Amino acid sequence: MNKAELIEHIATQADLSKAAATRALDAFVVGVRSTLKKSGTVTIVGFGTFAVSKRAGRTGRNPRTGAAIKIKPAKVPKFKPGKALKDAIR
């Protein structure tokens, strides 16, 4: 499912116009992004939790030359599915 299909689904299920569904989805994405940027978490009961995880620095290899390179530590977004979502998929 891509963004356009998700907007269509939201519009149908919530009895909204596509424009309103687009605004709602965009507001959700912006809200999650801004919360994660502040190193917060977003928990949607029954769906899952969006959080920020720290990835340690490490040594990698350049695939072309095989030379060792240093990879800096980074913050990465993570999603942990909730129990209800896991059960729905099984």
N, C-alpha and C. Protein backbone atom coordinates (compact mmCIF):
# COMPACT_ATOMS: atom_id res chain seq x y z
N MET A 1 0.85 -1.17 0.00
CA MET A 1 0.00 0.00 0.00
C MET A 1 0.90 1.23 0.00
N ASN A 2 0.63 2.14 -0.91
CA ASN A 2 1.40 3.39 -0.94
C ASN A 2 0.59 4.50 -0.26
N LYS A 3 1.13 5.71 -0.26
CA LYS A 3 0.49 6.82 0.44
C LYS A 3 -0.88 7.14 -0.14
N ALA A 4 -0.99 7.15 -1.47
CA ALA A 4 -2.28 7.46 -2.11
C ALA A 4 -3.34 6.43 -1.75
N GLU A 5 -2.94 5.15 -1.72
CA GLU A 5 -3.90 4.10 -1.35
C GLU A 5 -4.29 4.20 0.12
N LEU A 6 -3.34 4.57 0.97
CA LEU A 6 -3.65 4.75 2.39
C LEU A 6 -4.61 5.92 2.59
N ILE A 7 -4.40 7.01 1.87
CA ILE A 7 -5.30 8.16 1.95
C ILE A 7 -6.70 7.76 1.50
N GLU A 8 -6.80 7.01 0.42
CA GLU A 8 -8.10 6.52 -0.06
C GLU A 8 -8.78 5.67 1.00
N HIS A 9 -8.02 4.79 1.64
CA HIS A 9 -8.58 3.92 2.68
C HIS A 9 -9.07 4.74 3.88
N ILE A 10 -8.27 5.70 4.32
CA ILE A 10 -8.65 6.56 5.44
C ILE A 10 -9.92 7.35 5.09
N ALA A 11 -9.97 7.90 3.89
CA ALA A 11 -11.13 8.68 3.47
C ALA A 11 -12.39 7.82 3.47
N THR A 12 -12.27 6.60 2.98
CA THR A 12 -13.43 5.70 2.93
C THR A 12 -13.88 5.28 4.32
N GLN A 13 -12.92 4.82 5.14
CA GLN A 13 -13.25 4.31 6.47
C GLN A 13 -13.76 5.38 7.42
N ALA A 14 -13.22 6.59 7.32
CA ALA A 14 -13.59 7.66 8.25
C ALA A 14 -14.63 8.60 7.67
N ASP A 15 -15.12 8.29 6.47
CA ASP A 15 -16.12 9.12 5.79
C ASP A 15 -15.63 10.58 5.69
N LEU A 16 -14.41 10.72 5.15
CA LEU A 16 -13.79 12.03 4.96
C LEU A 16 -13.52 12.25 3.49
N SER A 17 -13.30 13.50 3.13
CA SER A 17 -12.85 13.78 1.77
C SER A 17 -11.38 13.36 1.67
N LYS A 18 -10.91 13.18 0.45
CA LYS A 18 -9.50 12.82 0.28
C LYS A 18 -8.59 13.93 0.79
N ALA A 19 -9.01 15.17 0.62
CA ALA A 19 -8.21 16.30 1.10
C ALA A 19 -8.09 16.27 2.62
N ALA A 20 -9.19 15.98 3.31
CA ALA A 20 -9.16 15.91 4.77
C ALA A 20 -8.33 14.72 5.24
N ALA A 21 -8.44 13.60 4.54
CA ALA A 21 -7.65 12.41 4.88
C ALA A 21 -6.16 12.68 4.67
N THR A 22 -5.83 13.41 3.61
CA THR A 22 -4.43 13.77 3.35
C THR A 22 -3.89 14.65 4.46
N ARG A 23 -4.67 15.64 4.87
CA ARG A 23 -4.25 16.53 5.96
C ARG A 23 -4.07 15.74 7.26
N ALA A 24 -4.98 14.80 7.53
CA ALA A 24 -4.89 14.00 8.75
C ALA A 24 -3.64 13.13 8.74
N LEU A 25 -3.38 12.47 7.63
CA LEU A 25 -2.19 11.62 7.53
C LEU A 25 -0.91 12.45 7.64
N ASP A 26 -0.88 13.58 6.96
CA ASP A 26 0.30 14.46 7.02
C ASP A 26 0.52 14.97 8.44
N ALA A 27 -0.56 15.31 9.15
CA ALA A 27 -0.44 15.78 10.54
C ALA A 27 0.10 14.67 11.43
N PHE A 28 -0.33 13.44 11.19
CA PHE A 28 0.17 12.30 11.96
C PHE A 28 1.67 12.12 11.74
N VAL A 29 2.09 12.15 10.48
CA VAL A 29 3.50 11.96 10.15
C VAL A 29 4.35 13.08 10.76
N VAL A 30 3.89 14.32 10.66
CA VAL A 30 4.63 15.45 11.23
C VAL A 30 4.71 15.32 12.75
N GLY A 31 3.62 14.89 13.38
CA GLY A 31 3.62 14.71 14.83
C GLY A 31 4.60 13.65 15.28
N VAL A 32 4.62 12.52 14.59
CA VAL A 32 5.55 11.45 14.92
C VAL A 32 6.98 11.92 14.69
N ARG A 33 7.23 12.56 13.55
CA ARG A 33 8.58 13.02 13.22
C ARG A 33 9.10 14.01 14.26
N SER A 34 8.27 14.99 14.64
CA SER A 34 8.73 16.01 15.58
C SER A 34 8.96 15.41 16.97
N THR A 35 8.15 14.45 17.37
CA THR A 35 8.35 13.80 18.67
C THR A 35 9.63 12.98 18.67
N LEU A 36 9.88 12.23 17.60
CA LEU A 36 11.10 11.43 17.52
C LEU A 36 12.34 12.31 17.44
N LYS A 37 12.22 13.47 16.80
CA LYS A 37 13.34 14.39 16.70
C LYS A 37 13.77 14.87 18.09
N LYS A 38 12.81 14.96 19.02
CA LYS A 38 13.10 15.36 20.40
C LYS A 38 13.45 14.15 21.26
N SER A 39 13.69 12.99 20.62
CA SER A 39 14.02 11.73 21.29
C SER A 39 12.87 11.20 22.15
N GLY A 40 11.64 11.55 21.80
CA GLY A 40 10.48 11.04 22.50
C GLY A 40 9.98 9.76 21.86
N THR A 41 8.88 9.25 22.38
CA THR A 41 8.25 8.07 21.81
C THR A 41 6.79 8.36 21.51
N VAL A 42 6.25 7.66 20.54
CA VAL A 42 4.83 7.75 20.21
C VAL A 42 4.25 6.35 20.33
N THR A 43 3.31 6.18 21.26
CA THR A 43 2.69 4.88 21.48
C THR A 43 1.23 4.95 21.08
N ILE A 44 0.85 4.04 20.20
CA ILE A 44 -0.55 3.90 19.80
C ILE A 44 -0.99 2.52 20.29
N VAL A 45 -1.80 2.50 21.34
CA VAL A 45 -2.22 1.25 21.96
C VAL A 45 -2.91 0.38 20.91
N GLY A 46 -2.50 -0.87 20.84
CA GLY A 46 -3.05 -1.81 19.88
C GLY A 46 -2.34 -1.80 18.54
N PHE A 47 -1.48 -0.81 18.31
CA PHE A 47 -0.76 -0.74 17.05
C PHE A 47 0.74 -0.91 17.27
N GLY A 48 1.34 0.00 18.04
CA GLY A 48 2.77 -0.13 18.30
C GLY A 48 3.38 1.15 18.82
N THR A 49 4.70 1.13 18.92
CA THR A 49 5.44 2.27 19.46
C THR A 49 6.56 2.68 18.52
N PHE A 50 6.61 3.96 18.23
CA PHE A 50 7.70 4.55 17.47
C PHE A 50 8.67 5.14 18.49
N ALA A 51 9.96 4.87 18.32
CA ALA A 51 10.95 5.37 19.26
C ALA A 51 12.26 5.64 18.52
N VAL A 52 13.19 6.28 19.22
CA VAL A 52 14.52 6.54 18.68
C VAL A 52 15.50 5.63 19.40
N SER A 53 16.37 5.00 18.64
CA SER A 53 17.38 4.12 19.20
C SER A 53 18.75 4.66 18.80
N LYS A 54 19.73 4.45 19.66
CA LYS A 54 21.10 4.88 19.35
C LYS A 54 21.87 3.68 18.80
N ARG A 55 22.49 3.89 17.64
CA ARG A 55 23.32 2.85 17.04
C ARG A 55 24.77 3.24 17.30
N ALA A 56 25.53 2.33 17.85
CA ALA A 56 26.92 2.60 18.20
C ALA A 56 27.78 2.76 16.94
N GLY A 57 28.86 3.48 17.10
CA GLY A 57 29.83 3.59 16.01
C GLY A 57 30.50 2.24 15.81
N ARG A 58 30.97 2.00 14.61
CA ARG A 58 31.59 0.71 14.33
C ARG A 58 32.54 0.85 13.15
N THR A 59 33.27 -0.19 12.90
CA THR A 59 34.18 -0.22 11.76
C THR A 59 33.51 -1.03 10.65
N GLY A 60 33.48 -0.45 9.46
CA GLY A 60 32.91 -1.12 8.31
C GLY A 60 33.95 -1.31 7.24
N ARG A 61 33.53 -1.81 6.12
CA ARG A 61 34.44 -2.03 4.99
C ARG A 61 33.89 -1.36 3.75
N ASN A 62 34.76 -0.69 3.01
CA ASN A 62 34.40 -0.14 1.71
C ASN A 62 34.25 -1.33 0.76
N PRO A 63 33.07 -1.53 0.16
CA PRO A 63 32.88 -2.71 -0.67
C PRO A 63 33.75 -2.73 -1.93
N ARG A 64 34.15 -1.58 -2.42
CA ARG A 64 34.99 -1.54 -3.63
C ARG A 64 36.45 -1.86 -3.34
N THR A 65 36.97 -1.25 -2.26
CA THR A 65 38.40 -1.38 -2.00
C THR A 65 38.71 -2.36 -0.88
N GLY A 66 37.73 -2.63 -0.03
CA GLY A 66 37.96 -3.49 1.12
C GLY A 66 38.62 -2.77 2.28
N ALA A 67 38.86 -1.48 2.12
CA ALA A 67 39.51 -0.69 3.17
C ALA A 67 38.56 -0.50 4.35
N ALA A 68 39.13 -0.49 5.56
CA ALA A 68 38.33 -0.26 6.76
C ALA A 68 37.93 1.21 6.83
N ILE A 69 36.69 1.46 7.21
CA ILE A 69 36.20 2.82 7.40
C ILE A 69 35.48 2.90 8.74
N LYS A 70 35.50 4.08 9.33
CA LYS A 70 34.80 4.28 10.59
C LYS A 70 33.39 4.77 10.29
N ILE A 71 32.39 4.13 10.90
CA ILE A 71 31.00 4.55 10.76
C ILE A 71 30.61 5.21 12.08
N LYS A 72 30.15 6.45 11.99
CA LYS A 72 29.82 7.24 13.18
C LYS A 72 28.59 6.68 13.89
N PRO A 73 28.49 6.95 15.20
CA PRO A 73 27.25 6.60 15.92
C PRO A 73 26.08 7.38 15.33
N ALA A 74 24.88 6.83 15.42
CA ALA A 74 23.72 7.51 14.83
C ALA A 74 22.47 7.22 15.64
N LYS A 75 21.52 8.13 15.54
CA LYS A 75 20.18 7.91 16.08
C LYS A 75 19.33 7.39 14.93
N VAL A 76 18.59 6.31 15.17
CA VAL A 76 17.76 5.73 14.11
C VAL A 76 16.34 5.51 14.64
N PRO A 77 15.33 5.70 13.79
CA PRO A 77 13.96 5.44 14.21
C PRO A 77 13.71 3.94 14.27
N LYS A 78 12.90 3.53 15.24
CA LYS A 78 12.53 2.12 15.41
C LYS A 78 11.02 2.05 15.58
N PHE A 79 10.46 0.93 15.18
CA PHE A 79 9.04 0.67 15.40
C PHE A 79 8.90 -0.69 16.05
N LYS A 80 8.19 -0.75 17.16
CA LYS A 80 7.93 -2.01 17.84
C LYS A 80 6.43 -2.26 17.77
N PRO A 81 6.01 -3.30 17.05
CA PRO A 81 4.58 -3.57 16.94
C PRO A 81 3.97 -3.98 18.28
N GLY A 82 2.72 -3.58 18.48
CA GLY A 82 1.99 -3.95 19.69
C GLY A 82 1.41 -5.34 19.58
N LYS A 83 0.94 -5.86 20.70
CA LYS A 83 0.40 -7.22 20.75
C LYS A 83 -0.78 -7.39 19.81
N ALA A 84 -1.69 -6.43 19.78
CA ALA A 84 -2.87 -6.56 18.92
C ALA A 84 -2.48 -6.62 17.45
N LEU A 85 -1.49 -5.85 17.05
CA LEU A 85 -1.02 -5.89 15.65
C LEU A 85 -0.37 -7.23 15.34
N LYS A 86 0.45 -7.72 16.25
CA LYS A 86 1.09 -9.03 16.06
C LYS A 86 0.03 -10.13 15.94
N ASP A 87 -0.97 -10.08 16.83
CA ASP A 87 -2.02 -11.09 16.79
C ASP A 87 -2.85 -11.02 15.52
N ALA A 88 -3.07 -9.83 15.00
CA ALA A 88 -3.87 -9.66 13.78
C ALA A 88 -3.16 -10.23 12.57
N ILE A 89 -1.84 -10.19 12.57
CA ILE A 89 -1.06 -10.69 11.45
C ILE A 89 -0.93 -12.20 11.49
N ARG A 90 -0.88 -12.76 12.66
CA ARG A 90 -0.71 -14.23 12.80
C ARG A 90 -1.91 -14.97 12.33
